[in-house]
PDB file of N, CA and C in Angstrom:
ATOM      1  N   MET A   1      73.568 181.735 -36.573  1.00  0.00           N
ATOM      2  CA  MET A   1      73.607 181.649 -38.087  1.00  0.00           C
ATOM      3  C   MET A   1      72.398 180.719 -38.690  1.00  0.00           C
ATOM      4  N   GLU A   2      72.000 179.709 -37.930  1.00  0.00           N
ATOM      5  CA  GLU A   2      70.915 178.894 -38.399  1.00  0.00           C
ATOM      6  C   GLU A   2      69.673 179.728 -38.401  1.00  0.00           C
ATOM      7  N   GLY A   3      69.445 180.622 -37.343  1.00  0.00           N
ATOM      8  CA  GLY A   3      68.223 181.488 -37.245  1.00  0.00           C
ATOM      9  C   GLY A   3      68.176 182.521 -38.437  1.00  0.00           C
ATOM     10  N   CYS A   4      69.415 183.010 -38.795  1.00  0.00           N
ATOM     11  CA  CYS A   4      69.425 183.928 -39.918  1.00  0.00           C
ATOM     12  C   CYS A   4      68.966 183.271 -41.169  1.00  0.00           C
ATOM     13  N   ARG A   5      69.407 181.913 -41.472  1.00  0.00           N
ATOM     14  CA  ARG A   5      69.153 181.227 -42.668  1.00  0.00           C
ATOM     15  C   ARG A   5      67.562 180.856 -42.729  1.00  0.00           C
ATOM     16  N   PHE A   6      67.002 180.463 -41.590  1.00  0.00           N
ATOM     17  CA  PHE A   6      65.616 180.210 -41.425  1.00  0.00           C
ATOM     18  C   PHE A   6      64.789 181.579 -41.849  1.00  0.00           C
ATOM     19  N   ALA A   7      65.246 182.683 -41.233  1.00  0.00           N
ATOM     20  CA  ALA A   7      64.487 183.845 -41.394  1.00  0.00           C
ATOM     21  C   ALA A   7      64.513 184.297 -42.981  1.00  0.00           C
ATOM     22  N   ALA A   8      65.725 184.092 -43.555  1.00  0.00           N
ATOM     23  CA  ALA A   8      65.910 184.454 -45.037  1.00  0.00           C
ATOM     24  C   ALA A   8      65.060 183.632 -45.873  1.00  0.00           C
ATOM     25  N   VAL A   9      64.896 182.341 -45.550  1.00  0.00           N
ATOM     26  CA  VAL A   9      64.000 181.431 -46.291  1.00  0.00           C
ATOM     27  C   VAL A   9      62.563 181.808 -46.111  1.00  0.00           C
ATOM     28  N   LEU A  10      62.239 182.125 -44.852  1.00  0.00           N
ATOM     29  CA  LEU A  10      60.811 182.555 -44.548  1.00  0.00           C
ATOM     30  C   LEU A  10      60.415 183.790 -45.331  1.00  0.00           C
ATOM     31  N   ILE A  11      61.361 184.851 -45.309  1.00  0.00           N
ATOM     32  CA  ILE A  11      61.088 186.109 -46.054  1.00  0.00           C
ATOM     33  C   ILE A  11      61.020 185.846 -47.528  1.00  0.00           C
ATOM     34  N   LEU A  12      61.842 184.943 -48.062  1.00  0.00           N
ATOM     35  CA  LEU A  12      61.776 184.707 -49.511  1.00  0.00           C
ATOM     36  C   LEU A  12      60.591 184.024 -49.891  1.00  0.00           C
ATOM     37  N   THR A  13      60.101 183.073 -49.063  1.00  0.00           N
ATOM     38  CA  THR A  13      58.814 182.409 -49.323  1.00  0.00           C
ATOM     39  C   THR A  13      57.625 183.341 -49.261  1.00  0.00           C
ATOM     40  N   LEU A  14      57.663 184.141 -48.245  1.00  0.00           N
ATOM     41  CA  LEU A  14      56.414 185.042 -48.167  1.00  0.00           C
ATOM     42  C   LEU A  14      56.580 186.137 -49.340  1.00  0.00           C
ATOM     43  N   CYS A  15      57.661 186.509 -49.820  1.00  0.00           N
ATOM     44  CA  CYS A  15      57.738 187.466 -50.992  1.00  0.00           C
ATOM     45  C   CYS A  15      57.140 186.595 -52.149  1.00  0.00           C
ATOM     46  N   MET A  16      57.556 185.568 -52.298  1.00  0.00           N
ATOM     47  CA  MET A  16      57.046 184.686 -53.528  1.00  0.00           C
ATOM     48  C   MET A  16      55.492 184.529 -53.433  1.00  0.00           C
ATOM     49  N   LEU A  17      55.063 184.253 -52.233  1.00  0.00           N
ATOM     50  CA  LEU A  17      53.552 184.122 -52.204  1.00  0.00           C
ATOM     51  C   LEU A  17      52.894 185.456 -52.488  1.00  0.00           C
ATOM     52  N   ALA A  18      53.415 186.612 -52.010  1.00  0.00           N
ATOM     53  CA  ALA A  18      52.702 187.911 -52.192  1.00  0.00           C
ATOM     54  C   ALA A  18      52.713 188.273 -53.495  1.00  0.00           C
ATOM     55  N   SER A  19      53.850 187.854 -54.332  1.00  0.00           N
ATOM     56  CA  SER A  19      53.933 188.271 -55.714  1.00  0.00           C
ATOM     57  C   SER A  19      53.125 187.357 -56.655  1.00  0.00           C
ATOM     58  N   GLY A  20      52.746 186.310 -56.138  1.00  0.00           N
ATOM     59  CA  GLY A  20      51.952 185.322 -57.083  1.00  0.00           C
ATOM     60  C   GLY A  20      52.875 184.290 -57.735  1.00  0.00           C
ATOM     61  N   ALA A  21      54.132 184.216 -57.211  1.00  0.00           N
ATOM     62  CA  ALA A  21      55.052 183.315 -57.866  1.00  0.00           C
ATOM     63  C   ALA A  21      54.733 181.842 -57.693  1.00  0.00           C
ATOM     64  N   VAL A  22      54.003 181.728 -56.504  1.00  0.00           N
ATOM     65  CA  VAL A  22      53.599 180.366 -56.198  1.00  0.00           C
ATOM     66  C   VAL A  22      52.041 180.362 -56.215  1.00  0.00           C
ATOM     67  N   ALA A  23      51.653 179.731 -57.249  1.00  0.00           N
ATOM     68  CA  ALA A  23      50.168 179.716 -57.543  1.00  0.00           C
ATOM     69  C   ALA A  23      49.464 178.585 -56.716  1.00  0.00           C
ATOM     70  N   ALA A  24      48.279 178.783 -56.320  1.00  0.00           N
ATOM     71  CA  ALA A  24      47.547 177.651 -55.707  1.00  0.00           C
ATOM     72  C   ALA A  24      46.930 176.827 -56.742  1.00  0.00           C
ATOM     73  N   LYS A  25      46.743 175.607 -56.464  1.00  0.00           N
ATOM     74  CA  LYS A  25      46.080 174.712 -57.449  1.00  0.00           C
ATOM     75  C   LYS A  25      44.653 175.041 -57.471  1.00  0.00           C
ATOM     76  N   PRO A  26      44.134 175.322 -58.673  1.00  0.00           N
ATOM     77  CA  PRO A  26      42.742 175.682 -58.852  1.00  0.00           C
ATOM     78  C   PRO A  26      41.755 174.583 -58.367  1.00  0.00           C
ATOM     79  N   LYS A  27      40.627 174.960 -57.903  1.00  0.00           N
ATOM     80  CA  LYS A  27      39.697 174.025 -57.463  1.00  0.00           C
ATOM     81  C   LYS A  27      38.940 173.524 -58.690  1.00  0.00           C
ATOM     82  N   SER A  28      38.749 172.221 -58.726  1.00  0.00           N
ATOM     83  CA  SER A  28      38.030 171.710 -59.940  1.00  0.00           C
ATOM     84  C   SER A  28      36.577 171.797 -59.771  1.00  0.00           C
ATOM     85  N   ARG A  29      35.957 171.853 -60.856  1.00  0.00           N
ATOM     86  CA  ARG A  29      34.424 172.028 -60.976  1.00  0.00           C
ATOM     87  C   ARG A  29      33.789 170.710 -60.654  1.00  0.00           C
ATOM     88  N   PRO A  30      32.818 170.751 -59.680  1.00  0.00           N
ATOM     89  CA  PRO A  30      32.192 169.552 -59.506  1.00  0.00           C
ATOM     90  C   PRO A  30      31.311 168.995 -60.641  1.00  0.00           C
ATOM     91  N   SER A  31      31.269 167.735 -60.830  1.00  0.00           N
ATOM     92  CA  SER A  31      30.647 167.006 -62.010  1.00  0.00           C
ATOM     93  C   SER A  31      29.172 167.428 -62.062  1.00  0.00           C
ATOM     94  N   TYR A  32      28.447 167.708 -60.968  1.00  0.00           N
ATOM     95  CA  TYR A  32      27.120 168.056 -61.160  1.00  0.00           C
ATOM     96  C   TYR A  32      26.858 169.384 -61.745  1.00  0.00           C
ATOM     97  N   CYS A  33      27.831 170.285 -61.892  1.00  0.00           N
ATOM     98  CA  CYS A  33      27.723 171.458 -62.662  1.00  0.00           C
ATOM     99  C   CYS A  33      27.462 171.230 -64.123  1.00  0.00           C
ATOM    100  N   ASN A  34      27.687 170.079 -64.623  1.00  0.00           N
ATOM    101  CA  ASN A  34      27.380 169.665 -65.965  1.00  0.00           C
ATOM    102  C   ASN A  34      26.046 169.070 -66.179  1.00  0.00           C
ATOM    103  N   LEU A  35      25.320 168.826 -65.192  1.00  0.00           N
ATOM    104  CA  LEU A  35      23.905 168.278 -65.253  1.00  0.00           C
ATOM    105  C   LEU A  35      22.998 169.470 -65.752  1.00  0.00           C
ATOM    106  N   PRO A  36      21.933 168.990 -66.491  1.00  0.00           N
ATOM    107  CA  PRO A  36      20.910 169.955 -67.027  1.00  0.00           C
ATOM    108  C   PRO A  36      19.984 170.507 -65.871  1.00  0.00           C
ATOM    109  N   ALA A  37      19.437 171.730 -66.122  1.00  0.00           N
ATOM    110  CA  ALA A  37      18.478 172.084 -65.159  1.00  0.00           C
ATOM    111  C   ALA A  37      17.321 170.996 -65.019  1.00  0.00           C
ATOM    112  N   ASP A  38      16.933 170.693 -63.707  1.00  0.00           N
ATOM    113  CA  ASP A  38      15.904 169.635 -63.455  1.00  0.00           C
ATOM    114  C   ASP A  38      14.958 170.219 -62.620  1.00  0.00           C
ATOM    115  N   SER A  39      13.702 170.501 -63.106  1.00  0.00           N
ATOM    116  CA  SER A  39      12.664 171.169 -62.287  1.00  0.00           C
ATOM    117  C   SER A  39      12.026 170.389 -61.223  1.00  0.00           C
ATOM    118  N   GLY A  40      12.387 168.973 -61.223  1.00  0.00           N
ATOM    119  CA  GLY A  40      11.891 168.049 -60.219  1.00  0.00           C
ATOM    120  C   GLY A  40      10.379 167.967 -60.368  1.00  0.00           C
ATOM    121  N   SER A  41       9.837 167.438 -59.169  1.00  0.00           N
ATOM    122  CA  SER A  41       8.293 167.323 -59.141  1.00  0.00           C
ATOM    123  C   SER A  41       7.809 168.030 -57.955  1.00  0.00           C
ATOM    124  N   GLY A  42       6.543 167.990 -57.771  1.00  0.00           N
ATOM    125  CA  GLY A  42       5.862 168.769 -56.629  1.00  0.00           C
ATOM    126  C   GLY A  42       4.999 169.920 -57.222  1.00  0.00           C
ATOM    127  N   THR A  43       4.388 170.658 -56.373  1.00  0.00           N
ATOM    128  CA  THR A  43       3.546 171.678 -56.727  1.00  0.00           C
ATOM    129  C   THR A  43       4.079 173.034 -56.551  1.00  0.00           C
ATOM    130  N   LYS A  44       5.162 173.236 -55.919  1.00  0.00           N
ATOM    131  CA  LYS A  44       5.781 174.487 -55.652  1.00  0.00           C
ATOM    132  C   LYS A  44       6.297 175.046 -56.906  1.00  0.00           C
ATOM    133  N   SER A  45       6.468 176.410 -56.930  1.00  0.00           N
ATOM    134  CA  SER A  45       7.059 177.202 -57.984  1.00  0.00           C
ATOM    135  C   SER A  45       8.178 178.152 -57.514  1.00  0.00           C
ATOM    136  N   GLU A  46       9.409 177.679 -57.263  1.00  0.00           N
ATOM    137  CA  GLU A  46      10.431 178.392 -56.720  1.00  0.00           C
ATOM    138  C   GLU A  46      11.437 178.754 -57.778  1.00  0.00           C
ATOM    139  N   LYS A  47      11.918 180.016 -57.700  1.00  0.00           N
ATOM    140  CA  LYS A  47      12.985 180.448 -58.564  1.00  0.00           C
ATOM    141  C   LYS A  47      14.313 179.916 -57.992  1.00  0.00           C
ATOM    142  N   ARG A  48      15.017 179.225 -58.945  1.00  0.00           N
ATOM    143  CA  ARG A  48      16.329 178.726 -58.579  1.00  0.00           C
ATOM    144  C   ARG A  48      17.332 179.062 -59.635  1.00  0.00           C
ATOM    145  N   ILE A  49      18.609 178.803 -59.351  1.00  0.00           N
ATOM    146  CA  ILE A  49      19.692 178.958 -60.332  1.00  0.00           C
ATOM    147  C   ILE A  49      20.384 177.800 -60.558  1.00  0.00           C
ATOM    148  N   TYR A  50      20.813 177.485 -61.826  1.00  0.00           N
ATOM    149  CA  TYR A  50      21.613 176.290 -62.300  1.00  0.00           C
ATOM    150  C   TYR A  50      22.643 176.778 -63.203  1.00  0.00           C
ATOM    151  N   TYR A  51      23.861 176.011 -63.241  1.00  0.00           N
ATOM    152  CA  TYR A  51      24.866 176.433 -64.196  1.00  0.00           C
ATOM    153  C   TYR A  51      24.633 175.784 -65.437  1.00  0.00           C
ATOM    154  N   ASN A  52      24.636 176.524 -66.512  1.00  0.00           N
ATOM    155  CA  ASN A  52      24.508 176.091 -67.902  1.00  0.00           C
ATOM    156  C   ASN A  52      26.021 175.891 -68.383  1.00  0.00           C
ATOM    157  N   SER A  53      26.475 174.602 -68.548  1.00  0.00           N
ATOM    158  CA  SER A  53      27.728 174.491 -69.040  1.00  0.00           C
ATOM    159  C   SER A  53      28.110 174.719 -70.372  1.00  0.00           C
ATOM    160  N   ALA A  54      27.069 174.824 -71.292  1.00  0.00           N
ATOM    161  CA  ALA A  54      27.214 175.089 -72.594  1.00  0.00           C
ATOM    162  C   ALA A  54      27.455 176.643 -72.789  1.00  0.00           C
ATOM    163  N   ARG A  55      26.732 177.328 -72.110  1.00  0.00           N
ATOM    164  CA  ARG A  55      26.660 178.805 -72.181  1.00  0.00           C
ATOM    165  C   ARG A  55      27.713 179.348 -71.127  1.00  0.00           C
ATOM    166  N   LYS A  56      28.236 178.558 -70.204  1.00  0.00           N
ATOM    167  CA  LYS A  56      29.070 178.998 -69.160  1.00  0.00           C
ATOM    168  C   LYS A  56      28.454 180.237 -68.360  1.00  0.00           C
ATOM    169  N   GLN A  57      27.245 179.951 -67.937  1.00  0.00           N
ATOM    170  CA  GLN A  57      26.461 181.026 -67.249  1.00  0.00           C
ATOM    171  C   GLN A  57      25.624 180.316 -66.183  1.00  0.00           C
ATOM    172  N   CYS A  58      25.376 181.044 -65.189  1.00  0.00           N
ATOM    173  CA  CYS A  58      24.469 180.770 -64.139  1.00  0.00           C
ATOM    174  C   CYS A  58      23.088 181.375 -64.433  1.00  0.00           C
ATOM    175  N   LEU A  59      22.123 180.454 -64.684  1.00  0.00           N
ATOM    176  CA  LEU A  59      20.789 180.898 -65.202  1.00  0.00           C
ATOM    177  C   LEU A  59      19.573 180.522 -64.286  1.00  0.00           C
ATOM    178  N   ARG A  60      18.550 181.325 -64.413  1.00  0.00           N
ATOM    179  CA  ARG A  60      17.319 180.963 -63.592  1.00  0.00           C
ATOM    180  C   ARG A  60      16.627 179.738 -64.215  1.00  0.00           C
ATOM    181  N   PHE A  61      15.861 179.122 -63.257  1.00  0.00           N
ATOM    182  CA  PHE A  61      14.882 178.173 -63.693  1.00  0.00           C
ATOM    183  C   PHE A  61      13.863 177.979 -62.603  1.00  0.00           C
ATOM    184  N   THR A  62      12.860 177.194 -62.891  1.00  0.00           N
ATOM    185  CA  THR A  62      11.653 177.070 -61.804  1.00  0.00           C
ATOM    186  C   THR A  62      11.848 175.731 -61.343  1.00  0.00           C
ATOM    187  N   TYR A  63      11.917 175.625 -60.033  1.00  0.00           N
ATOM    188  CA  TYR A  63      12.096 174.420 -59.314  1.00  0.00           C
ATOM    189  C   TYR A  63      10.698 174.089 -58.612  1.00  0.00           C
ATOM    190  N   HIS A  64      10.275 172.811 -58.702  1.00  0.00           N
ATOM    191  CA  HIS A  64       8.959 172.377 -58.194  1.00  0.00           C
ATOM    192  C   HIS A  64       8.925 171.883 -56.819  1.00  0.00           C
ATOM    193  N   GLY A  65      10.176 171.855 -56.083  1.00  0.00           N
ATOM    194  CA  GLY A  65      10.156 171.540 -54.632  1.00  0.00           C
ATOM    195  C   GLY A  65      10.707 170.241 -54.286  1.00  0.00           C
ATOM    196  N   GLU A  66      10.642 169.202 -55.101  1.00  0.00           N
ATOM    197  CA  GLU A  66      11.009 167.893 -54.808  1.00  0.00           C
ATOM    198  C   GLU A  66      11.861 167.256 -55.947  1.00  0.00           C
ATOM    199  N   GLY A  67      12.810 166.474 -55.563  1.00  0.00           N
ATOM    200  CA  GLY A  67      13.678 165.758 -56.521  1.00  0.00           C
ATOM    201  C   GLY A  67      14.553 166.668 -57.261  1.00  0.00           C
ATOM    202  N   GLY A  68      14.817 166.438 -58.530  1.00  0.00           N
ATOM    203  CA  GLY A  68      15.775 167.330 -59.223  1.00  0.00           C
ATOM    204  C   GLY A  68      17.191 166.800 -59.078  1.00  0.00           C
ATOM    205  N   ASN A  69      18.188 167.679 -59.327  1.00  0.00           N
ATOM    206  CA  ASN A  69      19.628 167.086 -59.164  1.00  0.00           C
ATOM    207  C   ASN A  69      20.313 168.161 -58.290  1.00  0.00           C
ATOM    208  N   ALA A  70      21.624 167.999 -58.149  1.00  0.00           N
ATOM    209  CA  ALA A  70      22.517 168.910 -57.385  1.00  0.00           C
ATOM    210  C   ALA A  70      22.877 170.201 -58.031  1.00  0.00           C
ATOM    211  N   ASN A  71      22.592 170.279 -59.346  1.00  0.00           N
ATOM    212  CA  ASN A  71      22.773 171.579 -60.018  1.00  0.00           C
ATOM    213  C   ASN A  71      21.698 172.568 -59.849  1.00  0.00           C
ATOM    214  N   ASN A  72      21.476 172.884 -58.573  1.00  0.00           N
ATOM    215  CA  ASN A  72      20.254 173.730 -58.076  1.00  0.00           C
ATOM    216  C   ASN A  72      20.787 174.623 -57.001  1.00  0.00           C
ATOM    217  N   PHE A  73      20.842 175.950 -57.138  1.00  0.00           N
ATOM    218  CA  PHE A  73      21.281 176.820 -56.211  1.00  0.00           C
ATOM    219  C   PHE A  73      20.240 177.926 -55.837  1.00  0.00           C
ATOM    220  N   LEU A  74      20.273 178.367 -54.629  1.00  0.00           N
ATOM    221  CA  LEU A  74      19.263 179.438 -54.096  1.00  0.00           C
ATOM    222  C   LEU A  74      19.783 180.775 -54.543  1.00  0.00           C
ATOM    223  N   HIS A  75      21.066 180.939 -54.640  1.00  0.00           N
ATOM    224  CA  HIS A  75      21.564 182.269 -54.953  1.00  0.00           C
ATOM    225  C   HIS A  75      22.623 182.181 -56.221  1.00  0.00           C
ATOM    226  N   THR A  76      22.657 183.100 -57.020  1.00  0.00           N
ATOM    227  CA  THR A  76      23.596 183.230 -58.135  1.00  0.00           C
ATOM    228  C   THR A  76      25.112 183.166 -57.668  1.00  0.00           C
ATOM    229  N   PHE A  77      25.385 183.871 -56.492  1.00  0.00           N
ATOM    230  CA  PHE A  77      26.664 183.804 -55.976  1.00  0.00           C
ATOM    231  C   PHE A  77      27.177 182.356 -55.748  1.00  0.00           C
ATOM    232  N   ASP A  78      26.330 181.587 -55.112  1.00  0.00           N
ATOM    233  CA  ASP A  78      26.725 180.121 -54.846  1.00  0.00           C
ATOM    234  C   ASP A  78      26.908 179.377 -56.171  1.00  0.00           C
ATOM    235  N   CYS A  79      26.145 179.613 -57.181  1.00  0.00           N
ATOM    236  CA  CYS A  79      26.320 178.881 -58.468  1.00  0.00           C
ATOM    237  C   CYS A  79      27.641 179.395 -59.033  1.00  0.00           C
ATOM    238  N   GLN A  80      27.952 180.642 -59.068  1.00  0.00           N
ATOM    239  CA  GLN A  80      29.161 181.195 -59.576  1.00  0.00           C
ATOM    240  C   GLN A  80      30.394 180.631 -58.903  1.00  0.00           C
ATOM    241  N   HIS A  81      30.386 180.680 -57.568  1.00  0.00           N
ATOM    242  CA  HIS A  81      31.453 180.286 -56.791  1.00  0.00           C
ATOM    243  C   HIS A  81      31.739 178.778 -56.979  1.00  0.00           C
ATOM    244  N   THR A  82      30.639 178.032 -57.133  1.00  0.00           N
ATOM    245  CA  THR A  82      30.869 176.544 -57.276  1.00  0.00           C
ATOM    246  C   THR A  82      31.242 176.056 -58.609  1.00  0.00           C
ATOM    247  N   CYS A  83      30.478 176.685 -59.557  1.00  0.00           N
ATOM    248  CA  CYS A  83      30.740 176.168 -61.010  1.00  0.00           C
ATOM    249  C   CYS A  83      31.409 177.031 -61.934  1.00  0.00           C
ATOM    250  N   LEU A  84      31.198 178.347 -61.794  1.00  0.00           N
ATOM    251  CA  LEU A  84      31.850 179.183 -62.950  1.00  0.00           C
ATOM    252  C   LEU A  84      33.275 179.668 -62.502  1.00  0.00           C
ATOM    253  N   TYR A  85      33.609 179.923 -61.346  1.00  0.00           N
ATOM    254  CA  TYR A  85      34.980 180.413 -60.964  1.00  0.00           C
ATOM    255  C   TYR A  85      35.806 179.276 -60.536  1.00  0.00           C
ATOM    256  N   THR A  86      35.684 178.077 -61.167  1.00  0.00           N
ATOM    257  CA  THR A  86      36.483 176.912 -60.678  1.00  0.00           C
ATOM    258  C   THR A  86      36.839 176.163 -62.118  1.00  0.00           C
ATOM    259  N   GLY A  87      37.691 175.254 -61.907  1.00  0.00           N
ATOM    260  CA  GLY A  87      38.207 174.451 -62.900  1.00  0.00           C
ATOM    261  C   GLY A  87      38.775 175.181 -64.044  1.00  0.00           C
TER     262      GLY A  87
END
């Protein structure tokens, strides 16, 4: 009898998860996503991506290779996954 009760609870839980009845807590946006684009210093000219919190978009900027801040991504996907599709 105890085994049947466990199986019923397990099946009910799986059904709720599959239907979306139990929502996962959304991941919060890191605070560095609110920082402005920072080209840094140096002599390089590298295309990078930053999250523009006012426009809610990942945009290109030129990074000079040194310094800057953490709002600096190599790929648009990384910016979107970290800053746009969170919080």
